[in-house]
Amino acid sequence: MVEDLYTSHYDELVYYCTNLARDRATAEDLVQETYIRALTHLEDLQDLSRGQRRAWLYKAAKRIYIDRVRKLAREVCVEREQLELELFEEDLTQAAVGQLVSRLPEMEQALFTMRYFEGYNATELGELFSLPPSTVRARLASARKKLSGWYFEMDKS
């Protein structure tokens, strides 16, 4: 059955994924992952009609693409966050950083210190403080914004 799906839909699925990803190599990777996923869902696919199997392939390909985009966005966000922190740390002595961090509200100060100096991630901090990870990330973003503003005020002086 997978061979039939492959020969019947491979080219059109590559075309579809190329339009999604705007890159032929990425599209081929997506299609390959789609067929691997199909292999793991053979029992489900056997109960479907030919048209439903085709729709299943397209839906699986789109989901795989969305998962990749989300993962890439998270990685870029983490890399940007790390770069900002490294640049911030390079410009300030430990005492100056401590002084700026101490100006933060108590909760932001604790979150910021534990995240950037002790290595906890947002999920772990959320569990420790009984907060959703999204709230932790929002408070960390607020803390970084405040610290950047204070740093630039300090730098102008």
C-alpha atoms as a PDB file:
ATOM      1  CA  MET A   1       0.000   0.000   0.000  1.00  0.00           C
ATOM      2  CA  VAL A   2       2.797   2.452   0.825  1.00  0.00           C
ATOM      3  CA  GLU A   3       4.381   1.703  -2.540  1.00  0.00           C
ATOM      4  CA  ASP A   4       1.092   2.606  -4.206  1.00  0.00           C
ATOM      5  CA  LEU A   5       0.887   5.831  -2.186  1.00  0.00           C
ATOM      6  CA  TYR A   6       4.475   6.619  -3.103  1.00  0.00           C
ATOM      7  CA  THR A   7       4.126   6.062  -6.832  1.00  0.00           C
ATOM      8  CA  SER A   8       0.710   7.730  -6.999  1.00  0.00           C
ATOM      9  CA  HIS A   9       1.383  10.850  -4.943  1.00  0.00           C
ATOM     10  CA  TYR A  10       5.127  11.431  -4.567  1.00  0.00           C
ATOM     11  CA  ASP A  11       5.548  14.044  -7.308  1.00  0.00           C
ATOM     12  CA  GLU A  12       2.458  16.066  -6.376  1.00  0.00           C
ATOM     13  CA  LEU A  13       3.413  15.905  -2.683  1.00  0.00           C
ATOM     14  CA  VAL A  14       6.918  17.200  -3.480  1.00  0.00           C
ATOM     15  CA  TYR A  15       5.343  20.029  -5.479  1.00  0.00           C
ATOM     16  CA  TYR A  16       2.995  20.863  -2.578  1.00  0.00           C
ATOM     17  CA  CYS A  17       5.836  20.813  -0.033  1.00  0.00           C
ATOM     18  CA  THR A  18       8.063  22.896  -2.305  1.00  0.00           C
ATOM     19  CA  ASN A  19       5.356  25.555  -2.324  1.00  0.00           C
ATOM     20  CA  LEU A  20       5.158  25.377   1.478  1.00  0.00           C
ATOM     21  CA  ALA A  21       8.879  25.403   2.193  1.00  0.00           C
ATOM     22  CA  ARG A  22      10.067  27.378  -0.844  1.00  0.00           C
ATOM     23  CA  ASP A  23      12.999  24.954  -1.112  1.00  0.00           C
ATOM     24  CA  ARG A  24      13.175  21.696  -3.066  1.00  0.00           C
ATOM     25  CA  ALA A  25      15.582  19.906  -0.685  1.00  0.00           C
ATOM     26  CA  THR A  26      13.452  20.768   2.337  1.00  0.00           C
ATOM     27  CA  ALA A  27      10.367  19.669   0.445  1.00  0.00           C
ATOM     28  CA  GLU A  28      11.926  16.291  -0.302  1.00  0.00           C
ATOM     29  CA  ASP A  29      12.816  15.903   3.388  1.00  0.00           C
ATOM     30  CA  LEU A  30       9.219  16.724   4.326  1.00  0.00           C
ATOM     31  CA  VAL A  31       7.877  14.166   1.869  1.00  0.00           C
ATOM     32  CA  GLN A  32      10.289  11.549   3.170  1.00  0.00           C
ATOM     33  CA  GLU A  33       9.139  12.209   6.740  1.00  0.00           C
ATOM     34  CA  THR A  34       5.538  12.034   5.551  1.00  0.00           C
ATOM     35  CA  TYR A  35       6.043   8.572   4.094  1.00  0.00           C
ATOM     36  CA  ILE A  36       7.854   7.440   7.228  1.00  0.00           C
ATOM     37  CA  ARG A  37       4.866   8.633   9.229  1.00  0.00           C
ATOM     38  CA  ALA A  38       2.606   6.743   6.827  1.00  0.00           C
ATOM     39  CA  LEU A  39       4.567   3.566   7.562  1.00  0.00           C
ATOM     40  CA  THR A  40       3.856   4.006  11.258  1.00  0.00           C
ATOM     41  CA  HIS A  41       0.123   4.490  10.554  1.00  0.00           C
ATOM     42  CA  LEU A  42      -0.463   1.635   8.106  1.00  0.00           C
ATOM     43  CA  GLU A  43      -3.392   0.223  10.065  1.00  0.00           C
ATOM     44  CA  ASP A  44      -5.174   3.578  10.000  1.00  0.00           C
ATOM     45  CA  LEU A  45      -4.473   4.094   6.305  1.00  0.00           C
ATOM     46  CA  GLN A  46      -5.819   0.663   5.310  1.00  0.00           C
ATOM     47  CA  ASP A  47      -9.273   1.661   6.517  1.00  0.00           C
ATOM     48  CA  LEU A  48      -9.316   4.785   4.319  1.00  0.00           C
ATOM     49  CA  SER A  49     -10.353   5.203   0.702  1.00  0.00           C
ATOM     50  CA  ARG A  50      -7.782   6.210  -1.909  1.00  0.00           C
ATOM     51  CA  GLY A  51      -8.875   9.867  -1.726  1.00  0.00           C
ATOM     52  CA  GLN A  52      -8.774   9.854   2.051  1.00  0.00           C
ATOM     53  CA  ARG A  53      -5.236   8.405   1.981  1.00  0.00           C
ATOM     54  CA  ARG A  54      -4.167  11.216  -0.332  1.00  0.00           C
ATOM     55  CA  ALA A  55      -5.736  13.784   2.012  1.00  0.00           C
ATOM     56  CA  TRP A  56      -4.008  12.103   4.960  1.00  0.00           C
ATOM     57  CA  LEU A  57      -0.626  12.468   3.219  1.00  0.00           C
ATOM     58  CA  TYR A  58      -1.195  16.172   2.559  1.00  0.00           C
ATOM     59  CA  LYS A  59      -2.336  16.809   6.109  1.00  0.00           C
ATOM     60  CA  ALA A  60       0.640  14.897   7.550  1.00  0.00           C
ATOM     61  CA  ALA A  61       3.058  16.817   5.315  1.00  0.00           C
ATOM     62  CA  LYS A  62       1.572  20.142   6.396  1.00  0.00           C
ATOM     63  CA  ARG A  63       1.771  19.183  10.081  1.00  0.00           C
ATOM     64  CA  ILE A  64       5.396  18.121   9.714  1.00  0.00           C
ATOM     65  CA  TYR A  65       6.160  21.422   7.991  1.00  0.00           C
ATOM     66  CA  ILE A  66       4.421  23.408  10.758  1.00  0.00           C
ATOM     67  CA  ASP A  67       6.332  21.473  13.424  1.00  0.00           C
ATOM     68  CA  ARG A  68       9.608  22.301  11.674  1.00  0.00           C
ATOM     69  CA  VAL A  69       8.759  25.994  11.419  1.00  0.00           C
ATOM     70  CA  ARG A  70       7.825  26.130  15.099  1.00  0.00           C
ATOM     71  CA  LYS A  71      11.005  24.332  16.123  1.00  0.00           C
ATOM     72  CA  LEU A  72      13.119  26.675  14.016  1.00  0.00           C
ATOM     73  CA  ALA A  73      11.365  29.712  15.496  1.00  0.00           C
ATOM     74  CA  ARG A  74      12.078  28.477  19.024  1.00  0.00           C
ATOM     75  CA  GLU A  75      15.726  27.829  18.182  1.00  0.00           C
ATOM     76  CA  VAL A  76      16.154  31.278  16.639  1.00  0.00           C
ATOM     77  CA  CYS A  77      14.469  32.890  19.656  1.00  0.00           C
ATOM     78  CA  VAL A  78      16.728  31.021  22.098  1.00  0.00           C
ATOM     79  CA  GLU A  79      19.835  31.864  20.051  1.00  0.00           C
ATOM     80  CA  ARG A  80      18.854  35.561  19.894  1.00  0.00           C
ATOM     81  CA  GLU A  81      18.139  35.584  23.615  1.00  0.00           C
ATOM     82  CA  GLN A  82      21.519  33.979  24.354  1.00  0.00           C
ATOM     83  CA  LEU A  83      23.330  36.442  22.071  1.00  0.00           C
ATOM     84  CA  GLU A  84      21.623  39.407  23.757  1.00  0.00           C
ATOM     85  CA  LEU A  85      22.638  38.069  27.148  1.00  0.00           C
ATOM     86  CA  GLU A  86      26.240  37.476  26.041  1.00  0.00           C
ATOM     87  CA  LEU A  87      26.509  41.004  24.663  1.00  0.00           C
ATOM     88  CA  PHE A  88      24.942  42.377  27.833  1.00  0.00           C
ATOM     89  CA  GLU A  89      27.345  40.413  30.042  1.00  0.00           C
ATOM     90  CA  GLU A  90      30.391  41.451  27.996  1.00  0.00           C
ATOM     91  CA  ASP A  91      29.687  45.139  28.544  1.00  0.00           C
ATOM     92  CA  LEU A  92      29.117  45.035  32.270  1.00  0.00           C
ATOM     93  CA  THR A  93      31.099  43.981  35.267  1.00  0.00           C
ATOM     94  CA  GLN A  94      29.533  41.502  37.639  1.00  0.00           C
ATOM     95  CA  ALA A  95      28.903  44.254  40.173  1.00  0.00           C
ATOM     96  CA  ALA A  96      27.118  46.431  37.628  1.00  0.00           C
ATOM     97  CA  VAL A  97      24.970  43.502  36.505  1.00  0.00           C
ATOM     98  CA  GLY A  98      24.096  42.745  40.113  1.00  0.00           C
ATOM     99  CA  GLN A  99      23.186  46.372  40.707  1.00  0.00           C
ATOM    100  CA  LEU A 100      20.908  46.494  37.661  1.00  0.00           C
ATOM    101  CA  VAL A 101      19.261  43.153  38.436  1.00  0.00           C
ATOM    102  CA  SER A 102      18.595  44.274  42.009  1.00  0.00           C
ATOM    103  CA  ARG A 103      16.408  47.094  40.605  1.00  0.00           C
ATOM    104  CA  LEU A 104      13.962  44.572  39.138  1.00  0.00           C
ATOM    105  CA  PRO A 105      10.747  43.696  40.984  1.00  0.00           C
ATOM    106  CA  GLU A 106      11.266  40.729  43.292  1.00  0.00           C
ATOM    107  CA  MET A 107       9.583  38.126  41.058  1.00  0.00           C
ATOM    108  CA  GLU A 108      11.378  39.269  37.881  1.00  0.00           C
ATOM    109  CA  GLN A 109      14.658  39.396  39.778  1.00  0.00           C
ATOM    110  CA  ALA A 110      14.243  35.803  40.961  1.00  0.00           C
ATOM    111  CA  LEU A 111      13.188  34.553  37.523  1.00  0.00           C
ATOM    112  CA  PHE A 112      15.976  36.437  35.746  1.00  0.00           C
ATOM    113  CA  THR A 113      18.671  35.207  38.141  1.00  0.00           C
ATOM    114  CA  MET A 114      17.522  31.611  38.028  1.00  0.00           C
ATOM    115  CA  ARG A 115      17.119  31.625  34.240  1.00  0.00           C
ATOM    116  CA  TYR A 116      20.305  33.346  33.171  1.00  0.00           C
ATOM    117  CA  PHE A 117      22.720  32.685  35.999  1.00  0.00           C
ATOM    118  CA  GLU A 118      21.562  29.304  37.261  1.00  0.00           C
ATOM    119  CA  GLY A 119      20.425  27.776  33.951  1.00  0.00           C
ATOM    120  CA  TYR A 120      16.764  26.947  34.624  1.00  0.00           C
ATOM    121  CA  ASN A 121      14.428  26.976  31.627  1.00  0.00           C
ATOM    122  CA  ALA A 122      10.952  28.529  31.467  1.00  0.00           C
ATOM    123  CA  THR A 123       9.177  25.225  32.085  1.00  0.00           C
ATOM    124  CA  GLU A 124      11.228  24.477  35.177  1.00  0.00           C
ATOM    125  CA  LEU A 125      10.741  27.999  36.503  1.00  0.00           C
ATOM    126  CA  GLY A 126       7.018  27.747  35.847  1.00  0.00           C
ATOM    127  CA  GLU A 127       6.844  24.608  37.946  1.00  0.00           C
ATOM    128  CA  LEU A 128       8.868  26.203  40.761  1.00  0.00           C
ATOM    129  CA  PHE A 129       6.771  29.386  40.836  1.00  0.00           C
ATOM    130  CA  SER A 130       3.417  27.817  39.863  1.00  0.00           C
ATOM    131  CA  LEU A 131       3.247  29.857  36.666  1.00  0.00           C
ATOM    132  CA  PRO A 132       2.611  28.859  33.055  1.00  0.00           C
ATOM    133  CA  PRO A 133       5.867  28.818  31.021  1.00  0.00           C
ATOM    134  CA  SER A 134       4.421  31.548  28.772  1.00  0.00           C
ATOM    135  CA  THR A 135       4.040  33.836  31.799  1.00  0.00           C
ATOM    136  CA  VAL A 136       7.625  33.097  32.830  1.00  0.00           C
ATOM    137  CA  ARG A 137       8.832  34.002  29.332  1.00  0.00           C
ATOM    138  CA  ALA A 138       6.769  37.210  29.365  1.00  0.00           C
ATOM    139  CA  ARG A 139       8.209  38.253  32.731  1.00  0.00           C
ATOM    140  CA  LEU A 140      11.731  37.454  31.550  1.00  0.00           C
ATOM    141  CA  ALA A 141      11.142  39.569  28.440  1.00  0.00           C
ATOM    142  CA  SER A 142       9.911  42.401  30.667  1.00  0.00           C
ATOM    143  CA  ALA A 143      13.008  42.078  32.857  1.00  0.00           C
ATOM    144  CA  ARG A 144      15.332  42.122  29.832  1.00  0.00           C
ATOM    145  CA  LYS A 145      13.580  45.208  28.477  1.00  0.00           C
ATOM    146  CA  LYS A 146      13.931  47.023  31.794  1.00  0.00           C
ATOM    147  CA  LEU A 147      17.569  46.017  32.146  1.00  0.00           C
ATOM    148  CA  SER A 148      18.364  47.165  28.605  1.00  0.00           C
ATOM    149  CA  GLY A 149      16.717  50.519  29.265  1.00  0.00           C
ATOM    150  CA  TRP A 150      18.582  50.990  32.535  1.00  0.00           C
ATOM    151  CA  TYR A 151      21.835  49.943  30.902  1.00  0.00           C
ATOM    152  CA  PHE A 152      21.473  52.501  28.118  1.00  0.00           C
ATOM    153  CA  GLU A 153      20.575  55.189  30.683  1.00  0.00           C
ATOM    154  CA  MET A 154      23.698  54.234  32.625  1.00  0.00           C
ATOM    155  CA  ASP A 155      25.799  54.190  29.456  1.00  0.00           C
ATOM    156  CA  LYS A 156      24.710  57.736  28.523  1.00  0.00           C
ATOM    157  CA  SER A 157      25.851  59.082  31.888  1.00  0.00           C
END
